Amino acid sequence: TGAEGKVLEEAKTINKSLSALGNVINALTSSPTKASHIPYR
C-alpha cells in the first residue's frame, strides 16, 4: 500500500482490530477446553 505517516498509523489500527476479530473467531471455534474466554473486549 505504500502507507506512510497518518495512513500508516490508520493501517496499524485497522490490522490490530482485524487481528482481534480473528482471535474472537478462533476462540469461538476452538474446543471448550481450549477457549474458556472470548476476547470480545
Full PDB file with SEQRES, HELIX, SHEET, SSBOND, CRYST1, ORIGX, SCALE, CONECT and MASTER records, all heavy atoms in Angstrom:
SEQRES   1 A   41  THR GLY ALA GLU GLY LYS VAL LEU GLU GLU ALA LYS THR          
SEQRES   2 A   41  ILE ASN LYS SER LEU SER ALA LEU GLY ASN VAL ILE ASN          
SEQRES   3 A   41  ALA LEU THR SER SER PRO THR LYS ALA SER HIS ILE PRO          
SEQRES   4 A   41  TYR ARG                                                      
HELIX    1 AA1 GLY A    5  THR A   29  1                                  25    
CRYST1    1.000    1.000    1.000  90.00  90.00  90.00 P 1           1          
ORIGX1      1.000000  0.000000  0.000000        0.00000                         
ORIGX2      0.000000  1.000000  0.000000        0.00000                         
ORIGX3      0.000000  0.000000  1.000000        0.00000                         
SCALE1      1.000000  0.000000  0.000000        0.00000                         
SCALE2      0.000000  1.000000  0.000000        0.00000                         
SCALE3      0.000000  0.000000  1.000000        0.00000                         
ATOM      1  N   THR A   1       0.815  -1.217   0.000  1.00  0.00           N  
ATOM      2  CA  THR A   1       0.000   0.000   0.000  1.00  0.00           C  
ATOM      3  C   THR A   1       0.847   1.264   0.000  1.00  0.00           C  
ATOM      4  O   THR A   1       0.366   2.335  -0.348  1.00  0.00           O  
ATOM      5  CB  THR A   1      -0.928   0.034   1.233  1.00  0.00           C  
ATOM      6  OG1 THR A   1      -0.123   0.034   2.426  1.00  0.00           O  
ATOM      7  CG2 THR A   1      -1.867  -1.156   1.248  1.00  0.00           C  
ATOM      8  N   GLY A   2       2.130   1.144   0.404  1.00  0.00           N  
ATOM      9  CA  GLY A   2       2.990   2.325   0.468  1.00  0.00           C  
ATOM     10  C   GLY A   2       2.549   3.302   1.543  1.00  0.00           C  
ATOM     11  O   GLY A   2       2.787   4.508   1.423  1.00  0.00           O  
ATOM     12  N   ALA A   3       1.908   2.804   2.606  1.00  0.00           N  
ATOM     13  CA  ALA A   3       1.370   3.679   3.652  1.00  0.00           C  
ATOM     14  C   ALA A   3       2.489   4.389   4.403  1.00  0.00           C  
ATOM     15  O   ALA A   3       3.502   3.778   4.765  1.00  0.00           O  
ATOM     16  CB  ALA A   3       0.520   2.864   4.626  1.00  0.00           C  
ATOM     17  N   GLU A   4       2.279   5.676   4.654  1.00  0.00           N  
ATOM     18  CA  GLU A   4       3.229   6.487   5.416  1.00  0.00           C  
ATOM     19  C   GLU A   4       2.453   7.434   6.330  1.00  0.00           C  
ATOM     20  O   GLU A   4       1.293   7.760   6.075  1.00  0.00           O  
ATOM     21  CB  GLU A   4       4.123   7.310   4.481  1.00  0.00           C  
ATOM     22  CG  GLU A   4       5.017   6.483   3.572  1.00  0.00           C  
ATOM     23  CD  GLU A   4       5.830   7.356   2.626  1.00  0.00           C  
ATOM     24  OE1 GLU A   4       5.460   8.549   2.465  1.00  0.00           O  
ATOM     25  OE2 GLU A   4       6.827   6.869   2.065  1.00  0.00           O  
ATOM     26  N   GLY A   5       3.144   7.898   7.374  1.00  0.00           N  
ATOM     27  CA  GLY A   5       2.562   8.908   8.241  1.00  0.00           C  
ATOM     28  C   GLY A   5       1.220   8.511   8.818  1.00  0.00           C  
ATOM     29  O   GLY A   5       1.058   7.432   9.386  1.00  0.00           O  
ATOM     30  N   LYS A   6       0.222   9.392   8.653  1.00  0.00           N  
ATOM     31  CA  LYS A   6      -1.107   9.166   9.212  1.00  0.00           C  
ATOM     32  C   LYS A   6      -1.739   7.904   8.640  1.00  0.00           C  
ATOM     33  O   LYS A   6      -2.376   7.132   9.367  1.00  0.00           O  
ATOM     34  CB  LYS A   6      -1.995  10.375   8.910  1.00  0.00           C  
ATOM     35  CG  LYS A   6      -3.418  10.236   9.418  1.00  0.00           C  
ATOM     36  CD  LYS A   6      -4.267  11.446   9.026  1.00  0.00           C  
ATOM     37  CE  LYS A   6      -5.712  11.276   9.463  1.00  0.00           C  
ATOM     38  NZ  LYS A   6      -6.556  12.415   9.034  1.00  0.00           N  
ATOM     39  N   VAL A   7      -1.561   7.679   7.332  1.00  0.00           N  
ATOM     40  CA  VAL A   7      -2.145   6.490   6.697  1.00  0.00           C  
ATOM     41  C   VAL A   7      -1.540   5.219   7.287  1.00  0.00           C  
ATOM     42  O   VAL A   7      -2.225   4.205   7.462  1.00  0.00           O  
ATOM     43  CB  VAL A   7      -1.923   6.531   5.166  1.00  0.00           C  
ATOM     44  CG1 VAL A   7      -2.446   5.254   4.512  1.00  0.00           C  
ATOM     45  CG2 VAL A   7      -2.618   7.742   4.563  1.00  0.00           C  
ATOM     46  N   LEU A   8      -0.260   5.259   7.624  1.00  0.00           N  
ATOM     47  CA  LEU A   8       0.394   4.104   8.239  1.00  0.00           C  
ATOM     48  C   LEU A   8      -0.188   3.830   9.623  1.00  0.00           C  
ATOM     49  O   LEU A   8      -0.442   2.664   9.980  1.00  0.00           O  
ATOM     50  CB  LEU A   8       1.899   4.353   8.339  1.00  0.00           C  
ATOM     51  CG  LEU A   8       2.727   3.256   9.032  1.00  0.00           C  
ATOM     52  CD1 LEU A   8       2.549   1.916   8.317  1.00  0.00           C  
ATOM     53  CD2 LEU A   8       4.199   3.644   9.095  1.00  0.00           C  
ATOM     54  N   GLU A   9      -0.409   4.887  10.409  1.00  0.00           N  
ATOM     55  CA  GLU A   9      -0.995   4.704  11.734  1.00  0.00           C  
ATOM     56  C   GLU A   9      -2.406   4.144  11.629  1.00  0.00           C  
ATOM     57  O   GLU A   9      -2.821   3.305  12.434  1.00  0.00           O  
ATOM     58  CB  GLU A   9      -1.009   6.040  12.492  1.00  0.00           C  
ATOM     59  CG  GLU A   9       0.372   6.555  12.872  1.00  0.00           C  
ATOM     60  CD  GLU A   9       1.174   5.539  13.674  1.00  0.00           C  
ATOM     61  OE1 GLU A   9       0.607   4.981  14.648  1.00  0.00           O  
ATOM     62  OE2 GLU A   9       2.334   5.280  13.323  1.00  0.00           O  
ATOM     63  N   GLU A  10      -3.169   4.610  10.626  1.00  0.00           N  
ATOM     64  CA  GLU A  10      -4.510   4.069  10.396  1.00  0.00           C  
ATOM     65  C   GLU A  10      -4.433   2.581  10.071  1.00  0.00           C  
ATOM     66  O   GLU A  10      -5.218   1.776  10.574  1.00  0.00           O  
ATOM     67  CB  GLU A  10      -5.181   4.829   9.247  1.00  0.00           C  
ATOM     68  CG  GLU A  10      -5.525   6.269   9.577  1.00  0.00           C  
ATOM     69  CD  GLU A  10      -5.950   7.060   8.347  1.00  0.00           C  
ATOM     70  OE1 GLU A  10      -5.683   6.595   7.215  1.00  0.00           O  
ATOM     71  OE2 GLU A  10      -6.543   8.144   8.506  1.00  0.00           O  
ATOM     72  N   ALA A  11      -3.460   2.226   9.214  1.00  0.00           N  
ATOM     73  CA  ALA A  11      -3.303   0.823   8.812  1.00  0.00           C  
ATOM     74  C   ALA A  11      -2.982  -0.063  10.011  1.00  0.00           C  
ATOM     75  O   ALA A  11      -3.505  -1.185  10.131  1.00  0.00           O  
ATOM     76  CB  ALA A  11      -2.209   0.701   7.749  1.00  0.00           C  
ATOM     77  N   LYS A  12      -2.137   0.425  10.903  1.00  0.00           N  
ATOM     78  CA  LYS A  12      -1.779  -0.356  12.090  1.00  0.00           C  
ATOM     79  C   LYS A  12      -3.018  -0.608  12.950  1.00  0.00           C  
ATOM     80  O   LYS A  12      -3.222  -1.720  13.452  1.00  0.00           O  
ATOM     81  CB  LYS A  12      -0.721   0.387  12.911  1.00  0.00           C  
ATOM     82  CG  LYS A  12       0.654   0.427  12.266  1.00  0.00           C  
ATOM     83  CD  LYS A  12       1.628   1.205  13.145  1.00  0.00           C  
ATOM     84  CE  LYS A  12       3.021   1.275  12.526  1.00  0.00           C  
ATOM     85  NZ  LYS A  12       3.946   2.080  13.371  1.00  0.00           N  
ATOM     86  N   THR A  13      -3.841   0.436  13.130  1.00  0.00           N  
ATOM     87  CA  THR A  13      -5.053   0.291  13.944  1.00  0.00           C  
ATOM     88  C   THR A  13      -6.046  -0.656  13.280  1.00  0.00           C  
ATOM     89  O   THR A  13      -6.675  -1.481  13.945  1.00  0.00           O  
ATOM     90  CB  THR A  13      -5.709   1.665  14.170  1.00  0.00           C  
ATOM     91  OG1 THR A  13      -4.750   2.567  14.704  1.00  0.00           O  
ATOM     92  CG2 THR A  13      -6.867   1.548  15.145  1.00  0.00           C  
ATOM     93  N   ILE A  14      -6.193  -0.540  11.946  1.00  0.00           N  
ATOM     94  CA  ILE A  14      -7.098  -1.431  11.204  1.00  0.00           C  
ATOM     95  C   ILE A  14      -6.657  -2.882  11.363  1.00  0.00           C  
ATOM     96  O   ILE A  14      -7.461  -3.773  11.691  1.00  0.00           O  
ATOM     97  CB  ILE A  14      -7.130  -1.051   9.711  1.00  0.00           C  
ATOM     98  CG1 ILE A  14      -7.837   0.296   9.523  1.00  0.00           C  
ATOM     99  CG2 ILE A  14      -7.827  -2.129   8.885  1.00  0.00           C  
ATOM    100  CD1 ILE A  14      -7.665   0.889   8.142  1.00  0.00           C  
ATOM    101  N   ASN A  15      -5.374  -3.140  11.133  1.00  0.00           N  
ATOM    102  CA  ASN A  15      -4.867  -4.516  11.217  1.00  0.00           C  
ATOM    103  C   ASN A  15      -4.991  -5.073  12.628  1.00  0.00           C  
ATOM    104  O   ASN A  15      -5.252  -6.264  12.823  1.00  0.00           O  
ATOM    105  CB  ASN A  15      -3.414  -4.564  10.756  1.00  0.00           C  
ATOM    106  CG  ASN A  15      -3.284  -4.374   9.253  1.00  0.00           C  
ATOM    107  OD1 ASN A  15      -4.240  -4.554   8.512  1.00  0.00           O  
ATOM    108  ND2 ASN A  15      -2.101  -4.004   8.807  1.00  0.00           N  
ATOM    109  N   LYS A  16      -4.812  -4.196  13.636  1.00  0.00           N  
ATOM    110  CA  LYS A  16      -4.930  -4.645  15.019  1.00  0.00           C  
ATOM    111  C   LYS A  16      -6.360  -5.075  15.329  1.00  0.00           C  
ATOM    112  O   LYS A  16      -6.587  -6.109  15.973  1.00  0.00           O  
ATOM    113  CB  LYS A  16      -4.497  -3.525  15.972  1.00  0.00           C  
ATOM    114  CG  LYS A  16      -4.499  -3.928  17.437  1.00  0.00           C  
ATOM    115  CD  LYS A  16      -4.008  -2.793  18.324  1.00  0.00           C  
ATOM    116  CE  LYS A  16      -4.024  -3.198  19.795  1.00  0.00           C  
ATOM    117  NZ  LYS A  16      -3.562  -2.096  20.671  1.00  0.00           N  
ATOM    118  N   SER A  17      -7.351  -4.297  14.871  1.00  0.00           N  
ATOM    119  CA  SER A  17      -8.751  -4.653  15.145  1.00  0.00           C  
ATOM    120  C   SER A  17      -9.166  -5.900  14.368  1.00  0.00           C  
ATOM    121  O   SER A  17      -9.934  -6.726  14.868  1.00  0.00           O  
ATOM    122  CB  SER A  17      -9.680  -3.484  14.818  1.00  0.00           C  
ATOM    123  OG  SER A  17      -9.637  -3.167  13.448  1.00  0.00           O  
ATOM    124  N   LEU A  18      -8.645  -6.044  13.140  1.00  0.00           N  
ATOM    125  CA  LEU A  18      -8.950  -7.256  12.366  1.00  0.00           C  
ATOM    126  C   LEU A  18      -8.301  -8.483  12.999  1.00  0.00           C  
ATOM    127  O   LEU A  18      -8.854  -9.585  12.960  1.00  0.00           O  
ATOM    128  CB  LEU A  18      -8.479  -7.092  10.917  1.00  0.00           C  
ATOM    129  CG  LEU A  18      -9.249  -6.064  10.085  1.00  0.00           C  
ATOM    130  CD1 LEU A  18      -8.614  -5.913   8.709  1.00  0.00           C  
ATOM    131  CD2 LEU A  18     -10.713  -6.455   9.946  1.00  0.00           C  
ATOM    132  N   SER A  19      -7.136  -8.287  13.590  1.00  0.00           N  
ATOM    133  CA  SER A  19      -6.488  -9.375  14.313  1.00  0.00           C  
ATOM    134  C   SER A  19      -7.312  -9.775  15.532  1.00  0.00           C  
ATOM    135  O   SER A  19      -7.467 -10.969  15.833  1.00  0.00           O  
ATOM    136  CB  SER A  19      -5.085  -8.940  14.746  1.00  0.00           C  
ATOM    137  OG  SER A  19      -4.462  -9.953  15.516  1.00  0.00           O  
ATOM    138  N   ALA A  20      -7.884  -8.771  16.217  1.00  0.00           N  
ATOM    139  CA  ALA A  20      -8.761  -9.063  17.360  1.00  0.00           C  
ATOM    140  C   ALA A  20      -9.994  -9.837  16.906  1.00  0.00           C  
ATOM    141  O   ALA A  20     -10.461 -10.750  17.599  1.00  0.00           O  
ATOM    142  CB  ALA A  20      -9.175  -7.761  18.047  1.00  0.00           C  
ATOM    143  N   LEU A  21     -10.526  -9.481  15.724  1.00  0.00           N  
ATOM    144  CA  LEU A  21     -11.670 -10.207  15.164  1.00  0.00           C  
ATOM    145  C   LEU A  21     -11.295 -11.664  14.903  1.00  0.00           C  
ATOM    146  O   LEU A  21     -12.059 -12.581  15.207  1.00  0.00           O  
ATOM    147  CB  LEU A  21     -12.129  -9.532  13.873  1.00  0.00           C  
ATOM    148  CG  LEU A  21     -13.268 -10.203  13.105  1.00  0.00           C  
ATOM    149  CD1 LEU A  21     -14.523 -10.318  13.959  1.00  0.00           C  
ATOM    150  CD2 LEU A  21     -13.572  -9.433  11.817  1.00  0.00           C  
ATOM    151  N   GLY A  22     -10.105 -11.874  14.344  1.00  0.00           N  
ATOM    152  CA  GLY A  22      -9.636 -13.240  14.107  1.00  0.00           C  
ATOM    153  C   GLY A  22      -9.479 -14.023  15.397  1.00  0.00           C  
ATOM    154  O   GLY A  22      -9.807 -15.216  15.461  1.00  0.00           O  
ATOM    155  N   ASN A  23      -9.004 -13.353  16.446  1.00  0.00           N  
ATOM    156  CA  ASN A  23      -8.831 -14.027  17.735  1.00  0.00           C  
ATOM    157  C   ASN A  23     -10.172 -14.450  18.326  1.00  0.00           C  
ATOM    158  O   ASN A  23     -10.286 -15.524  18.924  1.00  0.00           O  
ATOM    159  CB  ASN A  23      -8.102 -13.100  18.716  1.00  0.00           C  
ATOM    160  CG  ASN A  23      -6.659 -12.865  18.333  1.00  0.00           C  
ATOM    161  OD1 ASN A  23      -6.057 -13.656  17.601  1.00  0.00           O  
ATOM    162  ND2 ASN A  23      -6.082 -11.779  18.811  1.00  0.00           N  
ATOM    163  N   VAL A  24     -11.191 -13.602  18.156  1.00  0.00           N  
ATOM    164  CA  VAL A  24     -12.532 -13.955  18.650  1.00  0.00           C  
ATOM    165  C   VAL A  24     -13.062 -15.174  17.905  1.00  0.00           C  
ATOM    166  O   VAL A  24     -13.603 -16.107  18.516  1.00  0.00           O  
ATOM    167  CB  VAL A  24     -13.493 -12.756  18.499  1.00  0.00           C  
ATOM    168  CG1 VAL A  24     -14.946 -13.212  18.682  1.00  0.00           C  
ATOM    169  CG2 VAL A  24     -13.160 -11.676  19.505  1.00  0.00           C  
ATOM    170  N   ILE A  25     -12.901 -15.180  16.593  1.00  0.00           N  
ATOM    171  CA  ILE A  25     -13.395 -16.312  15.798  1.00  0.00           C  
ATOM    172  C   ILE A  25     -12.635 -17.591  16.148  1.00  0.00           C  
ATOM    173  O   ILE A  25     -13.224 -18.677  16.263  1.00  0.00           O  
ATOM    174  CB  ILE A  25     -13.290 -15.986  14.294  1.00  0.00           C  
ATOM    175  CG1 ILE A  25     -14.356 -14.939  13.943  1.00  0.00           C  
ATOM    176  CG2 ILE A  25     -13.455 -17.231  13.434  1.00  0.00           C  
ATOM    177  CD1 ILE A  25     -14.362 -14.519  12.506  1.00  0.00           C  
ATOM    178  N   ASN A  26     -11.333 -17.475  16.347  1.00  0.00           N  
ATOM    179  CA  ASN A  26     -10.558 -18.652  16.751  1.00  0.00           C  
ATOM    180  C   ASN A  26     -11.030 -19.179  18.102  1.00  0.00           C  
ATOM    181  O   ASN A  26     -11.136 -20.398  18.303  1.00  0.00           O  
ATOM    182  CB  ASN A  26      -9.065 -18.302  16.828  1.00  0.00           C  
ATOM    183  CG  ASN A  26      -8.444 -18.138  15.455  1.00  0.00           C  
ATOM    184  OD1 ASN A  26      -8.958 -18.653  14.464  1.00  0.00           O  
ATOM    185  ND2 ASN A  26      -7.347 -17.409  15.385  1.00  0.00           N  
ATOM    186  N   ALA A  27     -11.317 -18.261  19.035  1.00  0.00           N  
ATOM    187  CA  ALA A  27     -11.782 -18.683  20.360  1.00  0.00           C  
ATOM    188  C   ALA A  27     -13.158 -19.335  20.270  1.00  0.00           C  
ATOM    189  O   ALA A  27     -13.435 -20.328  20.956  1.00  0.00           O  
ATOM    190  CB  ALA A  27     -11.821 -17.484  21.306  1.00  0.00           C  
ATOM    191  N   LEU A  28     -14.036 -18.785  19.424  1.00  0.00           N  
ATOM    192  CA  LEU A  28     -15.391 -19.331  19.288  1.00  0.00           C  
ATOM    193  C   LEU A  28     -15.395 -20.707  18.639  1.00  0.00           C  
ATOM    194  O   LEU A  28     -16.294 -21.510  18.897  1.00  0.00           O  
ATOM    195  CB  LEU A  28     -16.257 -18.377  18.454  1.00  0.00           C  
ATOM    196  CG  LEU A  28     -16.714 -17.088  19.145  1.00  0.00           C  
ATOM    197  CD1 LEU A  28     -17.309 -16.130  18.126  1.00  0.00           C  
ATOM    198  CD2 LEU A  28     -17.727 -17.396  20.240  1.00  0.00           C  
ATOM    199  N   THR A  29     -14.430 -20.965  17.789  1.00  0.00           N  
ATOM    200  CA  THR A  29     -14.416 -22.231  17.048  1.00  0.00           C  
ATOM    201  C   THR A  29     -13.429 -23.241  17.620  1.00  0.00           C  
ATOM    202  O   THR A  29     -13.254 -24.321  17.050  1.00  0.00           O  
ATOM    203  CB  THR A  29     -14.073 -21.979  15.570  1.00  0.00           C  
ATOM    204  OG1 THR A  29     -12.836 -21.251  15.476  1.00  0.00           O  
ATOM    205  CG2 THR A  29     -15.164 -21.173  14.902  1.00  0.00           C  
ATOM    206  N   SER A  30     -12.781 -22.891  18.737  1.00  0.00           N  
ATOM    207  CA  SER A  30     -11.895 -23.843  19.407  1.00  0.00           C  
ATOM    208  C   SER A  30     -12.714 -24.737  20.318  1.00  0.00           C  
ATOM    209  O   SER A  30     -13.858 -24.437  20.651  1.00  0.00           O  
ATOM    210  CB  SER A  30     -10.828 -23.102  20.220  1.00  0.00           C  
ATOM    211  OG  SER A  30      -9.992 -22.333  19.384  1.00  0.00           O  
ATOM    212  N   SER A  31     -12.124 -25.835  20.734  1.00  0.00           N  
ATOM    213  CA  SER A  31     -12.827 -26.729  21.654  1.00  0.00           C  
ATOM    214  C   SER A  31     -13.020 -26.037  22.991  1.00  0.00           C  
ATOM    215  O   SER A  31     -12.223 -25.187  23.379  1.00  0.00           O  
ATOM    216  CB  SER A  31     -12.010 -28.017  21.848  1.00  0.00           C  
ATOM    217  OG  SER A  31     -10.754 -27.726  22.445  1.00  0.00           O  
ATOM    218  N   PRO A  32     -14.073 -26.388  23.719  1.00  0.00           N  
ATOM    219  CA  PRO A  32     -14.363 -25.731  25.001  1.00  0.00           C  
ATOM    220  C   PRO A  32     -13.201 -25.796  25.990  1.00  0.00           C  
ATOM    221  O   PRO A  32     -13.023 -24.903  26.805  1.00  0.00           O  
ATOM    222  CB  PRO A  32     -15.578 -26.511  25.527  1.00  0.00           C  
ATOM    223  CG  PRO A  32     -16.216 -27.078  24.301  1.00  0.00           C  
ATOM    224  CD  PRO A  32     -15.088 -27.381  23.365  1.00  0.00           C  
ATOM    225  N   THR A  33     -12.412 -26.858  25.919  1.00  0.00           N  
ATOM    226  CA  THR A  33     -11.295 -26.999  26.855  1.00  0.00           C  
ATOM    227  C   THR A  33     -10.168 -26.018  26.545  1.00  0.00           C  
ATOM    228  O   THR A  33      -9.380 -25.664  27.405  1.00  0.00           O  
ATOM    229  CB  THR A  33     -10.737 -28.427  26.800  1.00  0.00           C  
ATOM    230  OG1 THR A  33     -10.357 -28.731  25.436  1.00  0.00           O  
ATOM    231  CG2 THR A  33     -11.775 -29.426  27.265  1.00  0.00           C  
ATOM    232  N   LYS A  34     -10.098 -25.557  25.277  1.00  0.00           N  
ATOM    233  CA  LYS A  34      -9.020 -24.650  24.883  1.00  0.00           C  
ATOM    234  C   LYS A  34      -9.415 -23.184  25.008  1.00  0.00           C  
ATOM    235  O   LYS A  34      -8.560 -22.331  25.185  1.00  0.00           O  
ATOM    236  CB  LYS A  34      -8.599 -24.944  23.440  1.00  0.00           C  
ATOM    237  CG  LYS A  34      -7.879 -26.274  23.269  1.00  0.00           C  
ATOM    238  CD  LYS A  34      -7.411 -26.432  21.823  1.00  0.00           C  
ATOM    239  CE  LYS A  34      -6.654 -27.738  21.640  1.00  0.00           C  
ATOM    240  NZ  LYS A  34      -6.175 -27.904  20.240  1.00  0.00           N  
ATOM    241  N   ALA A  35     -10.694 -22.877  24.872  1.00  0.00           N  
ATOM    242  CA  ALA A  35     -11.126 -21.468  24.871  1.00  0.00           C  
ATOM    243  C   ALA A  35     -12.258 -21.256  25.866  1.00  0.00           C  
ATOM    244  O   ALA A  35     -13.418 -21.481  25.555  1.00  0.00           O  
ATOM    245  CB  ALA A  35     -11.576 -21.060  23.472  1.00  0.00           C  
ATOM    246  N   SER A  36     -11.919 -20.866  27.084  1.00  0.00           N  
ATOM    247  CA  SER A  36     -12.935 -20.575  28.084  1.00  0.00           C  
ATOM    248  C   SER A  36     -13.309 -19.095  28.079  1.00  0.00           C  
ATOM    249  O   SER A  36     -14.317 -18.696  28.643  1.00  0.00           O  
ATOM    250  CB  SER A  36     -12.434 -20.975  29.477  1.00  0.00           C  
ATOM    251  OG  SER A  36     -11.225 -20.288  29.769  1.00  0.00           O  
ATOM    252  N   HIS A  37     -12.488 -18.270  27.440  1.00  0.00           N  
ATOM    253  CA  HIS A  37     -12.724 -16.829  27.396  1.00  0.00           C  
ATOM    254  C   HIS A  37     -12.769 -16.349  25.952  1.00  0.00           C  
ATOM    255  O   HIS A  37     -11.894 -16.688  25.149  1.00  0.00           O  
ATOM    256  CB  HIS A  37     -11.608 -16.093  28.148  1.00  0.00           C  
ATOM    257  CG  HIS A  37     -11.623 -14.615  27.935  1.00  0.00           C  
ATOM    258  ND1 HIS A  37     -12.640 -13.807  28.411  1.00  0.00           N  
ATOM    259  CD2 HIS A  37     -10.761 -13.787  27.272  1.00  0.00           C  
ATOM    260  CE1 HIS A  37     -12.393 -12.555  28.075  1.00  0.00           C  
ATOM    261  NE2 HIS A  37     -11.260 -12.508  27.379  1.00  0.00           N  
ATOM    262  N   ILE A  38     -13.812 -15.580  25.610  1.00  0.00           N  
ATOM    263  CA  ILE A  38     -13.926 -14.998  24.272  1.00  0.00           C  
ATOM    264  C   ILE A  38     -13.528 -13.524  24.383  1.00  0.00           C  
ATOM    265  O   ILE A  38     -14.220 -12.755  25.058  1.00  0.00           O  
ATOM    266  CB  ILE A  38     -15.360 -15.127  23.715  1.00  0.00           C  
ATOM    267  CG1 ILE A  38     -15.861 -16.563  23.845  1.00  0.00           C  
ATOM    268  CG2 ILE A  38     -15.384 -14.666  22.266  1.00  0.00           C  
ATOM    269  CD1 ILE A  38     -15.044 -17.601  23.113  1.00  0.00           C  
ATOM    270  N   PRO A  39     -12.457 -13.094  23.725  1.00  0.00           N  
ATOM    271  CA  PRO A  39     -11.929 -11.726  23.925  1.00  0.00           C  
ATOM    272  C   PRO A  39     -12.689 -10.654  23.144  1.00  0.00           C  
ATOM    273  O   PRO A  39     -12.103  -9.912  22.345  1.00  0.00           O  
ATOM    274  CB  PRO A  39     -10.471 -11.860  23.452  1.00  0.00           C  
ATOM    275  CG  PRO A  39     -10.516 -12.912  22.394  1.00  0.00           C  
ATOM    276  CD  PRO A  39     -11.565 -13.898  22.847  1.00  0.00           C  
ATOM    277  N   TYR A  40     -13.994 -10.535  23.381  1.00  0.00           N  
ATOM    278  CA  TYR A  40     -14.797  -9.523  22.688  1.00  0.00           C  
ATOM    279  C   TYR A  40     -14.317  -8.103  22.993  1.00  0.00           C  
ATOM    280  O   TYR A  40     -14.415  -7.211  22.147  1.00  0.00           O  
ATOM    281  CB  TYR A  40     -16.274  -9.636  23.092  1.00  0.00           C  
ATOM    282  CG  TYR A  40     -16.985 -10.858  22.581  1.00  0.00           C  
ATOM    283  CD1 TYR A  40     -17.474 -11.819  23.469  1.00  0.00           C  
ATOM    284  CD2 TYR A  40     -17.185 -11.061  21.222  1.00  0.00           C  
ATOM    285  CE1 TYR A  40     -18.158 -12.939  23.008  1.00  0.00           C  
ATOM    286  CE2 TYR A  40     -17.863 -12.183  20.750  1.00  0.00           C  
ATOM    287  CZ  TYR A  40     -18.336 -13.118  21.653  1.00  0.00           C  
ATOM    288  OH  TYR A  40     -19.007 -14.229  21.195  1.00  0.00           O  
ATOM    289  N   ARG A  41     -13.814  -7.883  24.195  1.00  0.00           N  
ATOM    290  CA  ARG A  41     -13.477  -6.530  24.626  1.00  0.00           C  
ATOM    291  C   ARG A  41     -12.091  -6.074  24.172  1.00  0.00           C  
ATOM    292  O   ARG A  41     -11.652  -4.992  24.553  1.00  0.00           O  
ATOM    293  CB  ARG A  41     -13.583  -6.430  26.157  1.00  0.00           C  
ATOM    294  CG  ARG A  41     -15.010  -6.605  26.667  1.00  0.00           C  
ATOM    295  CD  ARG A  41     -15.072  -6.490  28.182  1.00  0.00           C  
ATOM    296  NE  ARG A  41     -16.438  -6.661  28.670  1.00  0.00           N  
ATOM    297  CZ  ARG A  41     -17.301  -5.668  28.828  1.00  0.00           C  
ATOM    298  NH1 ARG A  41     -16.933  -4.441  28.546  1.00  0.00           N  
ATOM    299  NH2 ARG A  41     -18.526  -5.896  29.279  1.00  0.00           N  
TER     300      ARG A  41                                                      
MASTER        0    0    0    1    0    0    0    6  299    1    0    4          
END                                                                             
